[in-house]
Amino acid sequence: MDSPPLTIALTGGIASGKSAVAERFAVLGAEVIDADVVARELVAPGMPALTEIVAAFGPGVLDAHGALDRRAMREHVFGDEAARRRLEAILHPRVRAALRERAAASRAPYVLLVIPLLVESGHYDWVDRVLVVDAAREVQRARLLARDGVSPELAEAMLDAQASRAQRLALADDVIVNDGHLDALDAQVDALHRRYLELARARTA
């Protein structure tokens, strides 16, 4: 039986540049599987997770078409730790299981799992490496203000709601620094891509 491919969990704080990094790895041939995309699939109408969410939070979290109103859901759990934990208890185990299954089935040289809440959700000890996209808090804040048009107060609250920079870096096997222009990512991604290919070859040697 074939062993599963080398699996790297990519994480980072909000507005750190995870998507830009993942796109570059995908261009180089990695299979990229995004936990947020998987989560959206799992809460599609008719899926068991959505039924459980409605049972826990009420029909007010649905839109007019019976789909999850993600904005309403975010507003419901933001600042309410008990509600957030209820939602995570429904979603996180399902997302982890789906990511593990899809990673194991991949035939790419290596798999990159984009998991924004890696630190917060835990239970990813089965991945081979953790790659953290790191940016200073003030850089994240400026990007949030420019990208999402949120107020400075909401930007601070969004940053405070996530794991700290130190907590993420404590888990890191590899780090990409994204404090500057996006072009600076290319060399860092290229170097790690070559490293991951070497590690993947070593697994099958």
C-alpha atoms as a PDB file:
ATOM      1  CA  MET A   1       0.000   0.000   0.000  1.00  0.00           C
ATOM      2  CA  ASP A   2       1.328   3.438  -0.942  1.00  0.00           C
ATOM      3  CA  SER A   3       2.244   5.703   1.938  1.00  0.00           C
ATOM      4  CA  PRO A   4       0.468   9.066   2.085  1.00  0.00           C
ATOM      5  CA  PRO A   5       2.333  11.969   0.483  1.00  0.00           C
ATOM      6  CA  LEU A   6       4.371  14.488   2.417  1.00  0.00           C
ATOM      7  CA  THR A   7       1.768  16.734   4.047  1.00  0.00           C
ATOM      8  CA  ILE A   8       2.451  20.316   5.104  1.00  0.00           C
ATOM      9  CA  ALA A   9      -0.003  22.431   7.085  1.00  0.00           C
ATOM     10  CA  LEU A  10       0.163  26.080   6.065  1.00  0.00           C
ATOM     11  CA  THR A  11      -1.148  28.564   8.601  1.00  0.00           C
ATOM     12  CA  GLY A  12      -0.858  32.206   9.584  1.00  0.00           C
ATOM     13  CA  GLY A  13      -2.840  35.031  11.076  1.00  0.00           C
ATOM     14  CA  ILE A  14      -5.558  36.949   9.303  1.00  0.00           C
ATOM     15  CA  ALA A  15      -4.196  39.086   6.437  1.00  0.00           C
ATOM     16  CA  SER A  16      -0.772  37.462   6.736  1.00  0.00           C
ATOM     17  CA  GLY A  17      -0.736  36.391   3.088  1.00  0.00           C
ATOM     18  CA  LYS A  18      -1.644  32.686   3.292  1.00  0.00           C
ATOM     19  CA  SER A  19      -3.559  32.750   0.011  1.00  0.00           C
ATOM     20  CA  ALA A  20      -0.729  34.450  -1.878  1.00  0.00           C
ATOM     21  CA  VAL A  21       1.719  31.835  -0.592  1.00  0.00           C
ATOM     22  CA  ALA A  22      -0.619  28.929  -1.371  1.00  0.00           C
ATOM     23  CA  GLU A  23      -1.159  30.192  -4.924  1.00  0.00           C
ATOM     24  CA  ARG A  24       2.590  30.175  -5.522  1.00  0.00           C
ATOM     25  CA  PHE A  25       2.955  26.618  -4.264  1.00  0.00           C
ATOM     26  CA  ALA A  26       0.054  25.508  -6.483  1.00  0.00           C
ATOM     27  CA  VAL A  27       1.755  26.998  -9.544  1.00  0.00           C
ATOM     28  CA  LEU A  28       4.877  24.979  -8.688  1.00  0.00           C
ATOM     29  CA  GLY A  29       2.901  21.719  -8.611  1.00  0.00           C
ATOM     30  CA  ALA A  30       1.848  21.193  -5.012  1.00  0.00           C
ATOM     31  CA  GLU A  31      -1.696  20.065  -4.369  1.00  0.00           C
ATOM     32  CA  VAL A  32      -3.307  22.773  -2.255  1.00  0.00           C
ATOM     33  CA  ILE A  33      -6.347  21.881  -0.164  1.00  0.00           C
ATOM     34  CA  ASP A  34      -7.979  24.797   1.654  1.00  0.00           C
ATOM     35  CA  ALA A  35      -9.742  24.117   4.960  1.00  0.00           C
ATOM     36  CA  ASP A  36     -12.073  27.084   4.389  1.00  0.00           C
ATOM     37  CA  VAL A  37     -13.205  25.632   1.049  1.00  0.00           C
ATOM     38  CA  VAL A  38     -13.744  22.234   2.659  1.00  0.00           C
ATOM     39  CA  ALA A  39     -15.733  23.858   5.469  1.00  0.00           C
ATOM     40  CA  ARG A  40     -17.999  25.602   2.953  1.00  0.00           C
ATOM     41  CA  GLU A  41     -18.642  22.278   1.231  1.00  0.00           C
ATOM     42  CA  LEU A  42     -19.481  20.663   4.554  1.00  0.00           C
ATOM     43  CA  VAL A  43     -22.151  23.258   5.373  1.00  0.00           C
ATOM     44  CA  ALA A  44     -23.872  23.156   1.983  1.00  0.00           C
ATOM     45  CA  PRO A  45     -27.660  22.703   2.087  1.00  0.00           C
ATOM     46  CA  GLY A  46     -28.558  19.113   2.914  1.00  0.00           C
ATOM     47  CA  MET A  47     -25.251  18.351   4.613  1.00  0.00           C
ATOM     48  CA  PRO A  48     -25.364  16.947   8.179  1.00  0.00           C
ATOM     49  CA  ALA A  49     -23.149  19.750   9.529  1.00  0.00           C
ATOM     50  CA  LEU A  50     -25.640  22.411   8.426  1.00  0.00           C
ATOM     51  CA  THR A  51     -28.505  20.519  10.052  1.00  0.00           C
ATOM     52  CA  GLU A  52     -26.524  20.394  13.277  1.00  0.00           C
ATOM     53  CA  ILE A  53     -25.659  24.109  13.092  1.00  0.00           C
ATOM     54  CA  VAL A  54     -29.310  25.075  12.644  1.00  0.00           C
ATOM     55  CA  ALA A  55     -30.275  22.834  15.570  1.00  0.00           C
ATOM     56  CA  ALA A  56     -27.651  24.569  17.724  1.00  0.00           C
ATOM     57  CA  PHE A  57     -28.144  28.194  16.647  1.00  0.00           C
ATOM     58  CA  GLY A  58     -31.613  28.410  15.119  1.00  0.00           C
ATOM     59  CA  PRO A  59     -32.874  29.170  11.603  1.00  0.00           C
ATOM     60  CA  GLY A  60     -31.647  32.761  11.829  1.00  0.00           C
ATOM     61  CA  VAL A  61     -28.253  31.619  10.576  1.00  0.00           C
ATOM     62  CA  LEU A  62     -29.765  30.635   7.214  1.00  0.00           C
ATOM     63  CA  ASP A  63     -30.291  32.926   4.250  1.00  0.00           C
ATOM     64  CA  ALA A  64     -33.435  33.125   2.124  1.00  0.00           C
ATOM     65  CA  HIS A  65     -32.294  30.133   0.069  1.00  0.00           C
ATOM     66  CA  GLY A  66     -31.692  27.845   3.021  1.00  0.00           C
ATOM     67  CA  ALA A  67     -27.908  28.141   2.833  1.00  0.00           C
ATOM     68  CA  LEU A  68     -25.707  29.165   5.727  1.00  0.00           C
ATOM     69  CA  ASP A  69     -25.525  32.941   6.034  1.00  0.00           C
ATOM     70  CA  ARG A  70     -21.829  33.153   6.813  1.00  0.00           C
ATOM     71  CA  ARG A  71     -21.971  36.812   7.819  1.00  0.00           C
ATOM     72  CA  ALA A  72     -24.840  36.164  10.236  1.00  0.00           C
ATOM     73  CA  MET A  73     -22.989  33.164  11.630  1.00  0.00           C
ATOM     74  CA  ARG A  74     -19.807  35.190  12.138  1.00  0.00           C
ATOM     75  CA  GLU A  75     -21.741  37.937  13.896  1.00  0.00           C
ATOM     76  CA  HIS A  76     -23.473  35.357  16.084  1.00  0.00           C
ATOM     77  CA  VAL A  77     -20.263  33.789  17.364  1.00  0.00           C
ATOM     78  CA  PHE A  78     -17.954  36.808  17.318  1.00  0.00           C
ATOM     79  CA  GLY A  79     -17.268  37.807  20.879  1.00  0.00           C
ATOM     80  CA  ASP A  80     -19.299  34.865  22.234  1.00  0.00           C
ATOM     81  CA  GLU A  81     -16.778  32.215  23.179  1.00  0.00           C
ATOM     82  CA  ALA A  82     -19.367  29.599  24.122  1.00  0.00           C
ATOM     83  CA  ALA A  83     -21.125  29.978  20.763  1.00  0.00           C
ATOM     84  CA  ARG A  84     -17.837  29.868  18.901  1.00  0.00           C
ATOM     85  CA  ARG A  85     -16.865  26.670  20.686  1.00  0.00           C
ATOM     86  CA  ARG A  86     -20.200  25.068  19.794  1.00  0.00           C
ATOM     87  CA  LEU A  87     -19.659  25.899  16.143  1.00  0.00           C
ATOM     88  CA  GLU A  88     -16.074  24.630  16.224  1.00  0.00           C
ATOM     89  CA  ALA A  89     -17.192  21.364  17.851  1.00  0.00           C
ATOM     90  CA  ILE A  90     -19.504  20.790  14.892  1.00  0.00           C
ATOM     91  CA  LEU A  91     -17.126  21.827  12.121  1.00  0.00           C
ATOM     92  CA  HIS A  92     -13.539  21.165  13.141  1.00  0.00           C
ATOM     93  CA  PRO A  93     -13.677  17.349  13.458  1.00  0.00           C
ATOM     94  CA  ARG A  94     -15.404  17.107  10.074  1.00  0.00           C
ATOM     95  CA  VAL A  95     -12.881  19.443   8.434  1.00  0.00           C
ATOM     96  CA  ARG A  96      -9.932  17.512   9.911  1.00  0.00           C
ATOM     97  CA  ALA A  97     -11.310  14.194   8.690  1.00  0.00           C
ATOM     98  CA  ALA A  98     -11.943  15.543   5.180  1.00  0.00           C
ATOM     99  CA  LEU A  99      -8.466  17.099   4.951  1.00  0.00           C
ATOM    100  CA  ARG A 100      -6.795  13.897   6.087  1.00  0.00           C
ATOM    101  CA  GLU A 101      -8.774  11.803   3.610  1.00  0.00           C
ATOM    102  CA  ARG A 102      -8.049  14.120   0.687  1.00  0.00           C
ATOM    103  CA  ALA A 103      -4.361  14.426   1.553  1.00  0.00           C
ATOM    104  CA  ALA A 104      -3.996  10.644   1.737  1.00  0.00           C
ATOM    105  CA  ALA A 105      -5.620  10.252  -1.684  1.00  0.00           C
ATOM    106  CA  SER A 106      -3.369  12.822  -3.388  1.00  0.00           C
ATOM    107  CA  ARG A 107      -0.875  11.772  -6.044  1.00  0.00           C
ATOM    108  CA  ALA A 108       0.994  15.080  -5.988  1.00  0.00           C
ATOM    109  CA  PRO A 109       4.644  15.167  -4.825  1.00  0.00           C
ATOM    110  CA  TYR A 110       3.429  16.826  -1.648  1.00  0.00           C
ATOM    111  CA  VAL A 111       0.226  18.298  -0.258  1.00  0.00           C
ATOM    112  CA  LEU A 112      -0.238  21.741   1.259  1.00  0.00           C
ATOM    113  CA  LEU A 113      -3.188  22.044   3.629  1.00  0.00           C
ATOM    114  CA  VAL A 114      -4.208  25.673   4.191  1.00  0.00           C
ATOM    115  CA  ILE A 115      -5.511  25.738   7.778  1.00  0.00           C
ATOM    116  CA  PRO A 116      -6.013  29.279   9.120  1.00  0.00           C
ATOM    117  CA  LEU A 117      -7.087  28.027  12.571  1.00  0.00           C
ATOM    118  CA  LEU A 118      -4.430  25.363  12.967  1.00  0.00           C
ATOM    119  CA  VAL A 119      -3.344  26.581  16.405  1.00  0.00           C
ATOM    120  CA  GLU A 120      -6.893  27.165  17.622  1.00  0.00           C
ATOM    121  CA  SER A 121      -8.335  23.858  16.397  1.00  0.00           C
ATOM    122  CA  GLY A 122      -5.441  21.529  17.206  1.00  0.00           C
ATOM    123  CA  HIS A 123      -5.430  17.778  16.493  1.00  0.00           C
ATOM    124  CA  TYR A 124      -3.220  18.010  13.411  1.00  0.00           C
ATOM    125  CA  ASP A 125      -0.360  15.940  14.790  1.00  0.00           C
ATOM    126  CA  TRP A 126      -0.595  13.719  11.698  1.00  0.00           C
ATOM    127  CA  VAL A 127       0.832  16.376   9.359  1.00  0.00           C
ATOM    128  CA  ASP A 128       4.548  16.137   8.567  1.00  0.00           C
ATOM    129  CA  ARG A 129       5.433  19.805   8.827  1.00  0.00           C
ATOM    130  CA  VAL A 130       3.911  23.157   9.750  1.00  0.00           C
ATOM    131  CA  LEU A 131       4.620  26.210   7.580  1.00  0.00           C
ATOM    132  CA  VAL A 132       3.754  29.562   9.130  1.00  0.00           C
ATOM    133  CA  VAL A 133       3.261  32.693   7.038  1.00  0.00           C
ATOM    134  CA  ASP A 134       4.398  35.385   9.439  1.00  0.00           C
ATOM    135  CA  ALA A 135       3.666  39.099   9.397  1.00  0.00           C
ATOM    136  CA  ALA A 136       3.941  41.741  12.080  1.00  0.00           C
ATOM    137  CA  ARG A 137       0.675  42.694  13.757  1.00  0.00           C
ATOM    138  CA  GLU A 138       0.846  46.253  12.465  1.00  0.00           C
ATOM    139  CA  VAL A 139       1.202  44.904   8.914  1.00  0.00           C
ATOM    140  CA  GLN A 140      -1.815  42.618   9.363  1.00  0.00           C
ATOM    141  CA  ARG A 141      -3.811  45.527  10.774  1.00  0.00           C
ATOM    142  CA  ALA A 142      -2.963  47.803   7.837  1.00  0.00           C
ATOM    143  CA  ARG A 143      -3.904  45.078   5.356  1.00  0.00           C
ATOM    144  CA  LEU A 144      -7.220  44.462   7.102  1.00  0.00           C
ATOM    145  CA  LEU A 145      -8.089  48.146   6.963  1.00  0.00           C
ATOM    146  CA  ALA A 146      -7.181  48.375   3.269  1.00  0.00           C
ATOM    147  CA  ARG A 147      -8.561  45.005   2.151  1.00  0.00           C
ATOM    148  CA  ASP A 148     -11.785  44.667   4.131  1.00  0.00           C
ATOM    149  CA  GLY A 149     -12.566  48.299   4.894  1.00  0.00           C
ATOM    150  CA  VAL A 150     -13.195  47.488   8.556  1.00  0.00           C
ATOM    151  CA  SER A 151     -12.892  50.004  11.351  1.00  0.00           C
ATOM    152  CA  PRO A 152      -9.648  50.139  13.356  1.00  0.00           C
ATOM    153  CA  GLU A 153     -11.558  48.829  16.375  1.00  0.00           C
ATOM    154  CA  LEU A 154     -12.909  45.816  14.472  1.00  0.00           C
ATOM    155  CA  ALA A 155      -9.471  45.116  12.995  1.00  0.00           C
ATOM    156  CA  GLU A 156      -8.005  44.990  16.503  1.00  0.00           C
ATOM    157  CA  ALA A 157     -10.823  42.749  17.695  1.00  0.00           C
ATOM    158  CA  MET A 158     -10.297  40.365  14.757  1.00  0.00           C
ATOM    159  CA  LEU A 159      -6.592  40.170  15.495  1.00  0.00           C
ATOM    160  CA  ASP A 160      -7.220  39.617  19.205  1.00  0.00           C
ATOM    161  CA  ALA A 161      -9.645  36.780  18.466  1.00  0.00           C
ATOM    162  CA  GLN A 162      -6.915  34.676  16.855  1.00  0.00           C
ATOM    163  CA  ALA A 163      -3.963  32.805  18.283  1.00  0.00           C
ATOM    164  CA  SER A 164      -0.961  35.012  18.906  1.00  0.00           C
ATOM    165  CA  ARG A 165       1.982  35.348  16.571  1.00  0.00           C
ATOM    166  CA  ALA A 166       4.174  33.641  19.198  1.00  0.00           C
ATOM    167  CA  GLN A 167       1.785  30.678  19.460  1.00  0.00           C
ATOM    168  CA  ARG A 168       1.887  30.113  15.699  1.00  0.00           C
ATOM    169  CA  LEU A 169       5.658  30.435  15.466  1.00  0.00           C
ATOM    170  CA  ALA A 170       6.065  27.941  18.311  1.00  0.00           C
ATOM    171  CA  LEU A 171       4.509  25.276  16.049  1.00  0.00           C
ATOM    172  CA  ALA A 172       6.485  26.187  12.937  1.00  0.00           C
ATOM    173  CA  ASP A 173       8.917  23.891  11.176  1.00  0.00           C
ATOM    174  CA  ASP A 174       9.232  26.455   8.390  1.00  0.00           C
ATOM    175  CA  VAL A 175       8.488  30.183   8.249  1.00  0.00           C
ATOM    176  CA  ILE A 176       7.790  32.522   5.343  1.00  0.00           C
ATOM    177  CA  VAL A 177       8.095  36.193   6.276  1.00  0.00           C
ATOM    178  CA  ASN A 178       5.531  38.347   4.484  1.00  0.00           C
ATOM    179  CA  ASP A 179       6.058  41.837   5.846  1.00  0.00           C
ATOM    180  CA  GLY A 180       6.782  43.497   2.526  1.00  0.00           C
ATOM    181  CA  HIS A 181       5.886  43.319  -1.140  1.00  0.00           C
ATOM    182  CA  LEU A 182       4.342  40.120  -2.483  1.00  0.00           C
ATOM    183  CA  ASP A 183       7.196  39.725  -4.964  1.00  0.00           C
ATOM    184  CA  ALA A 184       9.443  38.924  -2.010  1.00  0.00           C
ATOM    185  CA  LEU A 185       7.470  35.711  -1.509  1.00  0.00           C
ATOM    186  CA  ASP A 186       8.698  34.079  -4.703  1.00  0.00           C
ATOM    187  CA  ALA A 187      12.231  33.248  -3.576  1.00  0.00           C
ATOM    188  CA  GLN A 188      11.033  31.960  -0.206  1.00  0.00           C
ATOM    189  CA  VAL A 189       8.391  29.738  -1.782  1.00  0.00           C
ATOM    190  CA  ASP A 190      10.829  28.450  -4.426  1.00  0.00           C
ATOM    191  CA  ALA A 191      13.361  27.458  -1.758  1.00  0.00           C
ATOM    192  CA  LEU A 192      10.775  25.636   0.335  1.00  0.00           C
ATOM    193  CA  HIS A 193       9.321  23.944  -2.735  1.00  0.00           C
ATOM    194  CA  ARG A 194      12.731  22.456  -3.521  1.00  0.00           C
ATOM    195  CA  ARG A 195      13.113  21.394   0.108  1.00  0.00           C
ATOM    196  CA  TYR A 196       9.714  19.720   0.168  1.00  0.00           C
ATOM    197  CA  LEU A 197      10.459  17.857  -3.068  1.00  0.00           C
ATOM    198  CA  GLU A 198      13.675  16.520  -1.480  1.00  0.00           C
ATOM    199  CA  LEU A 199      11.784  15.415   1.619  1.00  0.00           C
ATOM    200  CA  ALA A 200       9.085  13.790  -0.517  1.00  0.00           C
ATOM    201  CA  ARG A 201      11.698  11.875  -2.537  1.00  0.00           C
ATOM    202  CA  ALA A 202      13.396  10.735   0.642  1.00  0.00           C
ATOM    203  CA  ARG A 203      10.110   9.215   1.860  1.00  0.00           C
ATOM    204  CA  THR A 204       9.833   7.021  -1.210  1.00  0.00           C
ATOM    205  CA  ALA A 205      13.524   6.123  -1.581  1.00  0.00           C
END
